[in-house]
Amino acid sequence: MKEHYDFSRGKRGPIVAPAANKTRITIRLDADIVSWFKEEVHRAGGGNYQSLINDALRRHVHEAREPLEETLRRVLREELRGARPSPATEVAEPPSRYDTSPDDS
């Protein structure tokens, strides 16, 4: 380690310039919300929780702008994809009129 460092040509500010499409803000969020995003990033094996928050906000904005009909179609597709018929709703085949099996009556 040197005894003296020369900072006469040093520049203030970040070493890496921020992306042009990003705006720096200060925002206060509930601690449990921030913790959840940080845990999600940790569970995913790394990343940036701020980017995850940005993605969540972007999805919300996109869905808020989505017309009602498109929202309903999307929700129905999602619900139907996961739906499975229950045994009570299964329809039994009607007996054939040519059924030759003996009657139990």
Protein backbone atom coordinates (compact mmCIF):
# COMPACT_ATOMS: atom_id res chain seq x y z
CA MET A 1 0.00 0.00 0.00
CA LYS A 2 1.32 3.41 -0.94
CA GLU A 3 1.87 6.12 1.61
CA HIS A 4 0.33 8.76 -0.63
CA TYR A 5 -2.22 8.57 -3.46
CA ASP A 6 -2.69 11.30 -6.07
CA PHE A 7 -6.36 12.14 -6.56
CA SER A 8 -5.73 15.44 -8.36
CA ARG A 9 -7.20 14.04 -11.62
CA GLY A 10 -9.97 12.10 -9.90
CA LYS A 11 -13.60 12.57 -10.91
CA ARG A 12 -16.64 12.49 -8.67
CA GLY A 13 -19.51 10.17 -9.39
CA PRO A 14 -19.98 6.53 -10.30
CA ILE A 15 -17.23 4.64 -12.06
CA VAL A 16 -19.73 2.98 -14.40
CA ALA A 17 -22.27 5.30 -16.00
CA PRO A 18 -25.90 4.32 -15.35
CA ALA A 19 -28.03 3.13 -18.25
CA ALA A 20 -29.62 5.96 -20.20
CA ASN A 21 -33.16 4.63 -19.72
CA LYS A 22 -32.87 4.39 -15.91
CA THR A 23 -33.82 7.13 -13.45
CA ARG A 24 -32.40 7.23 -9.95
CA ILE A 25 -35.06 7.78 -7.29
CA THR A 26 -35.45 7.39 -3.56
CA ILE A 27 -38.50 5.38 -2.53
CA ARG A 28 -39.67 3.99 0.79
CA LEU A 29 -41.11 0.48 0.69
CA ASP A 30 -42.40 -1.73 3.48
CA ALA A 31 -39.65 -3.89 4.94
CA ASP A 32 -41.55 -7.14 4.30
CA ILE A 33 -41.92 -6.26 0.61
CA VAL A 34 -38.19 -5.59 0.20
CA SER A 35 -37.39 -8.78 2.13
CA TRP A 36 -39.64 -10.83 -0.15
CA PHE A 37 -37.91 -9.54 -3.29
CA LYS A 38 -34.47 -10.14 -1.77
CA GLU A 39 -35.48 -13.70 -0.81
CA GLU A 40 -36.76 -14.33 -4.36
CA VAL A 41 -33.41 -13.22 -5.80
CA HIS A 42 -31.56 -15.42 -3.30
CA ARG A 43 -33.81 -18.40 -4.15
CA ALA A 44 -33.11 -17.84 -7.86
CA GLY A 45 -29.39 -18.04 -7.21
CA GLY A 46 -28.53 -14.37 -7.50
CA GLY A 47 -29.44 -11.24 -9.32
CA ASN A 48 -30.67 -7.82 -8.36
CA TYR A 49 -33.75 -7.33 -6.22
CA GLN A 50 -34.23 -3.83 -7.64
CA SER A 51 -34.51 -5.28 -11.14
CA LEU A 52 -37.07 -7.76 -9.83
CA ILE A 53 -39.12 -4.90 -8.35
CA ASN A 54 -38.84 -3.05 -11.68
CA ASP A 55 -40.10 -6.15 -13.54
CA ALA A 56 -43.06 -6.49 -11.15
CA LEU A 57 -43.97 -2.83 -11.63
CA ARG A 58 -43.65 -3.17 -15.42
CA ARG A 59 -46.01 -6.20 -15.43
CA HIS A 60 -48.51 -4.28 -13.30
CA VAL A 61 -48.43 -1.28 -15.64
CA HIS A 62 -48.83 -3.54 -18.69
CA GLU A 63 -51.79 -5.35 -17.14
CA ALA A 64 -53.37 -2.07 -16.00
CA ARG A 65 -53.29 -0.82 -19.59
CA GLU A 66 -54.67 -4.10 -20.95
CA PRO A 67 -58.28 -3.78 -22.15
CA LEU A 68 -60.87 -5.54 -19.97
CA GLU A 69 -61.69 -8.10 -22.68
CA GLU A 70 -58.02 -9.09 -23.00
CA THR A 71 -57.70 -9.36 -19.21
CA LEU A 72 -60.73 -11.65 -19.02
CA ARG A 73 -59.43 -13.83 -21.85
CA ARG A 74 -55.99 -14.10 -20.20
CA VAL A 75 -57.46 -14.98 -16.80
CA LEU A 76 -59.83 -17.56 -18.29
CA ARG A 77 -57.00 -19.20 -20.25
CA GLU A 78 -54.89 -19.39 -17.08
CA GLU A 79 -57.76 -20.84 -15.06
CA LEU A 80 -58.79 -23.37 -17.71
CA ARG A 81 -55.20 -24.51 -18.16
CA GLY A 82 -55.11 -25.62 -14.52
CA ALA A 83 -58.67 -26.98 -14.37
CA ARG A 84 -59.27 -30.72 -14.35
CA PRO A 85 -62.70 -32.31 -14.49
CA SER A 86 -63.81 -33.80 -11.20
CA PRO A 87 -65.30 -37.33 -11.10
CA ALA A 88 -68.74 -35.83 -10.32
CA THR A 89 -68.74 -33.86 -13.56
CA GLU A 90 -67.71 -36.74 -15.80
CA VAL A 91 -70.56 -37.89 -18.00
CA ALA A 92 -71.21 -41.61 -18.30
CA GLU A 93 -71.89 -42.99 -21.76
CA PRO A 94 -75.53 -43.86 -22.29
CA PRO A 95 -76.18 -47.59 -22.69
CA SER A 96 -76.35 -48.86 -26.22
CA ARG A 97 -79.80 -49.88 -27.41
CA TYR A 98 -78.16 -53.00 -28.79
CA ASP A 99 -76.77 -53.95 -25.38
CA THR A 100 -77.19 -57.71 -24.97
CA SER A 101 -76.03 -57.94 -21.36
CA PRO A 102 -78.61 -59.51 -19.01
CA ASP A 103 -80.71 -57.23 -16.85
CA ASP A 104 -80.09 -57.33 -13.11
CA SER A 105 -83.75 -56.58 -12.33
